[in-house]
Amino acid sequence: MIKENYEKLQKTIEFLQKRMTIKPKVAIVLGSGLGGLTKSMEVVDEIPYKEIPNFPVSTVKGHKGALMFGKINNVDVLVLSGRFHYYEGYPMETVTYPEMVFAGLGIKTLILSNAAGGMNPSFQVGDIMVIRDHINFFGTNPLLGPNDDSLGPRFPNMSEVYSKRLRKLAHQKAKENDIHLQEGVYIGVTGPCFETPSEYKAYYILGADAVGMSTVPEAIIGAYRGMEIFAFSVITDLGVVGQIMEATHEEVLAAAKSAEPKMIKLVYEMMPEL
C-alpha cells in the first residue's frame, strides 16, 4: 500500500474510532434488498457514508449508504448497509476499502451477503445459498500491486476462504429454525449486465451454482487480513438451462425482500456463537 493510501485509510479508521462507543468484532455487509437485517439491530450510531472521511458512496438502488454500530442478539456489530461495486466504476481498491477499514477497527469475523442468480437446477427463487467457495471472474484482483507485509502476505492462502466452522453453524441454526439452506460455489463477475443464457451455462459448467456482481473481492481482502468469513447468497432469479428468467433489478430487489425474514433469522441466531 502506497503512503498516500495508507494515510487515507488511517484517517478513516481514526474518525470511526472516535465515534465508536462499542467494540464490535463482527462486521456485516448487506447486499441488494437485504437492508432489513437492521430492523433486528439495536442501533447505537448510524453514519452516512458521505460523512466518513475518504469513504466512497454507494450509487445503487436498494443500498441505504450508511455505516451502523449496534447490537444484534446482544452481540456488538458493525453493519455496512450498502456496498460498492466494480460496475459502478470504482477501482478494486475502493470496492474493498471498507474491509480494510474493518481490519483496522479490529474486526475478526466478516459476514457477506448478496443477491444472486441461481444456476443449480435444484435451486428456487427465495433460497438461501451458503457460499462454500468462489470463482473470481472479475478479470482482476484487489491485491494487485505492491504488497505491505505488515497488512498481509504477498501470496495469501485461499484454500478455505469461507469458514467451515461458520458454515456448519449456519446449517445447525437453519435446522433448528426450520430454514431450508442450499450450499454451493459463487462466481463473481463484473456486471452490470445480467447474464446471457450461454454465460449461465458456461458458469455452471465451470462449477458455479450462483452468480453475482460482488462479494469475491471483499472476501479476498477479508482472507488477506485474516478474518473468519461467512457468506451467503439469496437466490433472486434463475439462470438454469431451460428456465432462464428475464430478471430486472426491481424484480431482484423484490425477491430479496421476500427472502429477508429467513436471512434475518439465520444471522440473528448465529450471532452469539460467532
Protein backbone atom coordinates (compact mmCIF):
# COMPACT_ATOMS: atom_id res chain seq x y z
CA MET A 1 0.00 0.00 0.00
CA ILE A 2 1.44 3.35 -1.03
CA LYS A 3 1.89 6.04 1.62
CA GLU A 4 -0.96 8.24 0.33
CA ASN A 5 -3.48 5.39 0.50
CA TYR A 6 -2.25 4.33 3.93
CA GLU A 7 -2.75 7.86 5.26
CA LYS A 8 -6.32 7.99 3.86
CA LEU A 9 -7.11 4.64 5.45
CA GLN A 10 -5.76 5.74 8.82
CA LYS A 11 -7.82 8.94 8.71
CA THR A 12 -10.99 6.91 8.13
CA ILE A 13 -10.15 4.48 10.92
CA GLU A 14 -9.35 7.26 13.39
CA PHE A 15 -12.62 9.05 12.59
CA LEU A 16 -14.65 5.91 13.26
CA GLN A 17 -12.70 5.01 16.39
CA LYS A 18 -13.66 8.39 17.87
CA ARG A 19 -17.34 7.67 17.13
CA MET A 20 -17.30 4.12 18.50
CA THR A 21 -18.86 3.53 21.90
CA ILE A 22 -18.80 -0.26 21.45
CA LYS A 23 -16.08 -2.65 20.28
CA PRO A 24 -17.52 -4.88 17.58
CA LYS A 25 -15.62 -7.95 16.41
CA VAL A 26 -18.22 -8.80 13.75
CA ALA A 27 -18.92 -6.82 10.57
CA ILE A 28 -21.83 -7.50 8.22
CA VAL A 29 -22.09 -6.27 4.62
CA LEU A 30 -25.68 -6.10 3.38
CA GLY A 31 -26.35 -6.73 -0.31
CA SER A 32 -29.15 -5.56 -2.62
CA GLY A 33 -32.55 -5.60 -0.96
CA LEU A 34 -31.21 -7.09 2.27
CA GLY A 35 -31.15 -3.96 4.41
CA GLY A 36 -33.96 -5.31 6.60
CA LEU A 37 -31.44 -7.00 8.88
CA THR A 38 -31.00 -3.63 10.56
CA LYS A 39 -34.58 -3.96 11.88
CA SER A 40 -33.32 -6.66 14.25
CA MET A 41 -30.49 -4.41 15.34
CA GLU A 42 -30.27 -2.18 18.37
CA VAL A 43 -28.63 0.80 16.65
CA VAL A 44 -26.09 2.72 18.72
CA ASP A 45 -24.82 5.01 15.96
CA GLU A 46 -25.53 5.48 12.26
CA ILE A 47 -23.15 7.39 10.00
CA PRO A 48 -23.97 8.20 6.35
CA TYR A 49 -21.07 7.31 4.07
CA LYS A 50 -20.79 10.90 2.89
CA GLU A 51 -19.83 11.97 6.44
CA ILE A 52 -16.94 9.48 6.73
CA PRO A 53 -13.55 10.79 5.54
CA ASN A 54 -12.35 9.11 2.30
CA PHE A 55 -15.31 6.69 2.29
CA PRO A 56 -16.94 6.01 -1.09
CA VAL A 57 -20.68 6.47 -1.66
CA SER A 58 -23.00 3.73 -2.93
CA THR A 59 -24.93 4.66 -6.09
CA VAL A 60 -27.14 1.56 -6.37
CA LYS A 61 -30.87 1.50 -5.67
CA GLY A 62 -31.62 -0.76 -2.70
CA HIS A 63 -28.45 0.23 -0.83
CA LYS A 64 -29.00 2.62 2.09
CA GLY A 65 -25.49 4.03 2.24
CA ALA A 66 -24.76 4.10 5.96
CA LEU A 67 -22.34 2.51 8.39
CA MET A 68 -24.06 1.41 11.59
CA PHE A 69 -22.80 0.39 15.02
CA GLY A 70 -25.06 -1.59 17.33
CA LYS A 71 -26.10 -4.94 18.73
CA ILE A 72 -27.76 -7.98 17.15
CA ASN A 73 -28.87 -10.62 19.65
CA ASN A 74 -26.70 -8.89 22.29
CA VAL A 75 -23.56 -9.06 20.13
CA ASP A 76 -21.71 -5.86 19.17
CA VAL A 77 -21.67 -5.47 15.40
CA LEU A 78 -20.70 -3.08 12.65
CA VAL A 79 -23.10 -3.13 9.68
CA LEU A 80 -22.41 -1.78 6.20
CA SER A 81 -25.84 -1.03 4.76
CA GLY A 82 -24.91 -0.70 1.10
CA ARG A 83 -21.72 -1.83 -0.62
CA PHE A 84 -19.60 -0.64 -3.55
CA HIS A 85 -19.39 -2.47 -6.86
CA TYR A 86 -16.79 -2.70 -9.59
CA TYR A 87 -19.51 -1.99 -12.17
CA GLU A 88 -20.13 1.43 -10.60
CA GLY A 89 -16.76 2.43 -11.98
CA TYR A 90 -14.89 2.15 -8.71
CA PRO A 91 -11.39 0.61 -8.73
CA MET A 92 -10.93 -2.57 -6.71
CA GLU A 93 -9.13 -0.59 -4.03
CA THR A 94 -12.33 1.39 -3.45
CA VAL A 95 -14.64 -1.63 -3.69
CA THR A 96 -12.73 -3.29 -0.85
CA TYR A 97 -11.94 -0.15 1.15
CA PRO A 98 -14.49 -0.99 3.88
CA GLU A 99 -12.87 -4.37 4.56
CA MET A 100 -9.51 -2.68 5.03
CA VAL A 101 -11.19 -0.29 7.46
CA PHE A 102 -12.84 -3.20 9.29
CA ALA A 103 -9.46 -4.82 9.85
CA GLY A 104 -8.10 -1.57 11.22
CA LEU A 105 -11.02 -1.40 13.66
CA GLY A 106 -10.26 -4.89 14.99
CA ILE A 107 -13.00 -6.85 13.20
CA LYS A 108 -12.34 -10.61 13.38
CA THR A 109 -15.44 -12.04 11.66
CA LEU A 110 -16.81 -10.85 8.32
CA ILE A 111 -20.32 -11.71 7.10
CA LEU A 112 -21.07 -11.00 3.44
CA SER A 113 -24.50 -11.19 1.81
CA ASN A 114 -25.65 -10.73 -1.76
CA ALA A 115 -28.48 -11.25 -4.22
CA ALA A 116 -27.52 -13.77 -6.89
CA GLY A 117 -28.77 -15.70 -9.88
CA GLY A 118 -29.07 -19.43 -9.32
CA MET A 119 -27.78 -21.88 -11.93
CA ASN A 120 -28.07 -25.10 -9.99
CA PRO A 121 -31.24 -26.92 -11.16
CA SER A 122 -32.18 -27.72 -7.56
CA PHE A 123 -32.38 -24.02 -6.63
CA GLN A 124 -35.54 -21.95 -6.43
CA VAL A 125 -36.12 -18.21 -6.16
CA GLY A 126 -36.02 -17.28 -2.48
CA ASP A 127 -33.48 -19.95 -1.49
CA ILE A 128 -30.52 -19.01 0.70
CA MET A 129 -27.20 -20.45 -0.51
CA VAL A 130 -24.31 -20.65 1.93
CA ILE A 131 -21.14 -19.93 -0.07
CA ARG A 132 -18.67 -22.81 0.19
CA ASP A 133 -16.14 -21.38 -2.29
CA HIS A 134 -15.89 -18.82 -5.05
CA ILE A 135 -14.58 -18.33 -8.57
CA ASN A 136 -13.06 -14.93 -9.30
CA PHE A 137 -14.27 -14.00 -12.80
CA PHE A 138 -13.72 -10.25 -12.45
CA GLY A 139 -10.59 -10.37 -14.56
CA THR A 140 -8.66 -8.57 -11.83
CA ASN A 141 -7.78 -8.87 -8.15
CA PRO A 142 -7.85 -6.33 -5.28
CA LEU A 143 -4.36 -7.44 -4.21
CA LEU A 144 -2.61 -6.41 -7.42
CA GLY A 145 0.30 -4.04 -6.91
CA PRO A 146 2.96 -3.61 -4.23
CA ASN A 147 2.30 -5.58 -1.04
CA ASP A 148 2.65 -4.31 2.52
CA ASP A 149 3.77 -7.32 4.54
CA SER A 150 2.51 -5.68 7.73
CA LEU A 151 -1.07 -5.98 6.40
CA GLY A 152 -0.98 -9.48 4.92
CA PRO A 153 1.07 -11.97 2.90
CA ARG A 154 2.10 -11.39 -0.70
CA PHE A 155 0.57 -14.74 -1.68
CA PRO A 156 -2.39 -15.41 0.64
CA ASN A 157 -3.64 -18.98 1.06
CA MET A 158 -7.15 -19.27 -0.39
CA SER A 159 -7.81 -22.94 0.38
CA GLU A 160 -10.54 -22.06 2.89
CA VAL A 161 -11.82 -18.54 2.33
CA TYR A 162 -15.24 -19.37 3.79
CA SER A 163 -15.04 -20.80 7.30
CA LYS A 164 -16.06 -24.45 7.69
CA ARG A 165 -16.94 -23.71 11.31
CA LEU A 166 -19.35 -20.95 10.39
CA ARG A 167 -20.90 -22.93 7.53
CA LYS A 168 -21.54 -25.80 9.94
CA LEU A 169 -23.03 -23.36 12.45
CA ALA A 170 -25.33 -21.91 9.78
CA HIS A 171 -26.68 -25.34 8.87
CA GLN A 172 -27.18 -26.16 12.54
CA LYS A 173 -29.15 -22.96 13.22
CA ALA A 174 -31.12 -23.37 9.99
CA LYS A 175 -32.19 -26.87 11.01
CA GLU A 176 -33.20 -25.67 14.47
CA ASN A 177 -35.34 -22.91 12.95
CA ASP A 178 -36.80 -24.83 10.00
CA ILE A 179 -34.91 -22.77 7.39
CA HIS A 180 -34.04 -24.54 4.16
CA LEU A 181 -30.42 -23.85 3.17
CA GLN A 182 -28.55 -24.60 -0.02
CA GLU A 183 -24.75 -24.60 -0.25
CA GLY A 184 -22.58 -24.01 -3.28
CA VAL A 185 -20.00 -22.09 -5.24
CA TYR A 186 -20.43 -18.41 -6.12
CA ILE A 187 -18.89 -16.91 -9.24
CA GLY A 188 -18.20 -13.19 -9.13
CA VAL A 189 -18.49 -11.22 -12.39
CA THR A 190 -18.20 -7.55 -13.24
CA GLY A 191 -21.79 -6.86 -14.35
CA PRO A 192 -23.75 -4.69 -14.73
CA CYS A 193 -25.48 -6.83 -17.38
CA PHE A 194 -27.48 -9.81 -16.26
CA GLU A 195 -26.10 -12.96 -17.82
CA THR A 196 -26.90 -14.37 -21.25
CA PRO A 197 -28.22 -17.97 -21.38
CA SER A 198 -24.82 -19.11 -22.71
CA GLU A 199 -23.00 -17.36 -19.86
CA TYR A 200 -25.23 -19.03 -17.28
CA LYS A 201 -24.50 -22.38 -18.93
CA ALA A 202 -20.75 -21.72 -19.07
CA TYR A 203 -20.55 -20.65 -15.42
CA TYR A 204 -22.42 -23.75 -14.31
CA ILE A 205 -20.06 -25.95 -16.35
CA LEU A 206 -17.16 -24.17 -14.61
CA GLY A 207 -18.55 -25.34 -11.28
CA ALA A 208 -20.57 -22.37 -10.05
CA ASP A 209 -24.01 -22.69 -8.51
CA ALA A 210 -24.81 -18.96 -8.30
CA VAL A 211 -23.57 -15.79 -9.99
CA GLY A 212 -23.37 -12.23 -8.78
CA MET A 213 -21.53 -8.93 -9.08
CA SER A 214 -19.95 -8.57 -5.63
CA THR A 215 -18.58 -10.46 -2.60
CA VAL A 216 -15.50 -12.07 -4.18
CA PRO A 217 -13.20 -9.00 -3.93
CA GLU A 218 -14.38 -8.36 -0.36
CA ALA A 219 -13.80 -11.97 0.62
CA ILE A 220 -10.29 -11.87 -0.86
CA ILE A 221 -9.40 -8.84 1.27
CA GLY A 222 -11.05 -10.40 4.32
CA ALA A 223 -8.95 -13.54 3.90
CA TYR A 224 -5.85 -11.44 3.25
CA ARG A 225 -6.40 -9.58 6.53
CA GLY A 226 -7.01 -12.82 8.46
CA MET A 227 -10.76 -12.54 9.10
CA GLU A 228 -13.04 -15.53 9.54
CA ILE A 229 -15.59 -15.26 6.73
CA PHE A 230 -19.17 -16.40 6.32
CA ALA A 231 -21.09 -15.50 3.17
CA PHE A 232 -24.44 -16.31 1.64
CA SER A 233 -26.49 -15.53 -1.44
CA VAL A 234 -30.22 -15.00 -1.65
CA ILE A 235 -31.28 -16.58 -4.94
CA THR A 236 -33.37 -13.86 -6.61
CA ASP A 237 -33.57 -15.16 -10.19
CA LEU A 238 -32.79 -18.33 -12.10
CA GLY A 239 -30.27 -19.00 -14.85
CA VAL A 240 -30.98 -22.70 -15.13
CA VAL A 241 -30.87 -24.04 -18.69
CA GLY A 242 -34.46 -24.08 -19.93
CA GLN A 243 -35.61 -21.86 -17.05
CA ILE A 244 -33.88 -18.55 -17.79
CA MET A 245 -35.71 -15.65 -16.15
CA GLU A 246 -35.80 -12.19 -17.71
CA ALA A 247 -34.71 -10.52 -14.50
CA THR A 248 -34.84 -6.79 -13.79
CA HIS A 249 -33.14 -5.05 -10.87
CA GLU A 250 -36.56 -4.25 -9.41
CA GLU A 251 -37.53 -7.93 -9.50
CA VAL A 252 -34.24 -8.89 -7.87
CA LEU A 253 -34.91 -6.42 -5.03
CA ALA A 254 -38.44 -7.76 -4.59
CA ALA A 255 -37.23 -11.37 -4.46
CA ALA A 256 -34.54 -10.47 -1.94
CA LYS A 257 -37.14 -8.69 0.17
CA SER A 258 -39.36 -11.78 0.26
CA ALA A 259 -36.44 -13.92 1.48
CA GLU A 260 -35.33 -11.37 4.09
CA PRO A 261 -37.13 -12.90 7.11
CA LYS A 262 -35.19 -16.16 6.70
CA MET A 263 -31.91 -14.30 6.28
CA ILE A 264 -32.58 -12.13 9.33
CA LYS A 265 -33.48 -15.14 11.47
CA LEU A 266 -30.41 -17.09 10.40
CA VAL A 267 -27.94 -14.28 11.14
CA TYR A 268 -29.69 -13.41 14.42
CA GLU A 269 -29.44 -16.99 15.66
CA MET A 270 -25.80 -17.35 14.60
CA MET A 271 -24.57 -14.17 16.30
CA PRO A 272 -23.90 -15.45 19.86
CA GLU A 273 -21.59 -18.17 18.54
CA LEU A 274 -19.53 -16.05 16.18
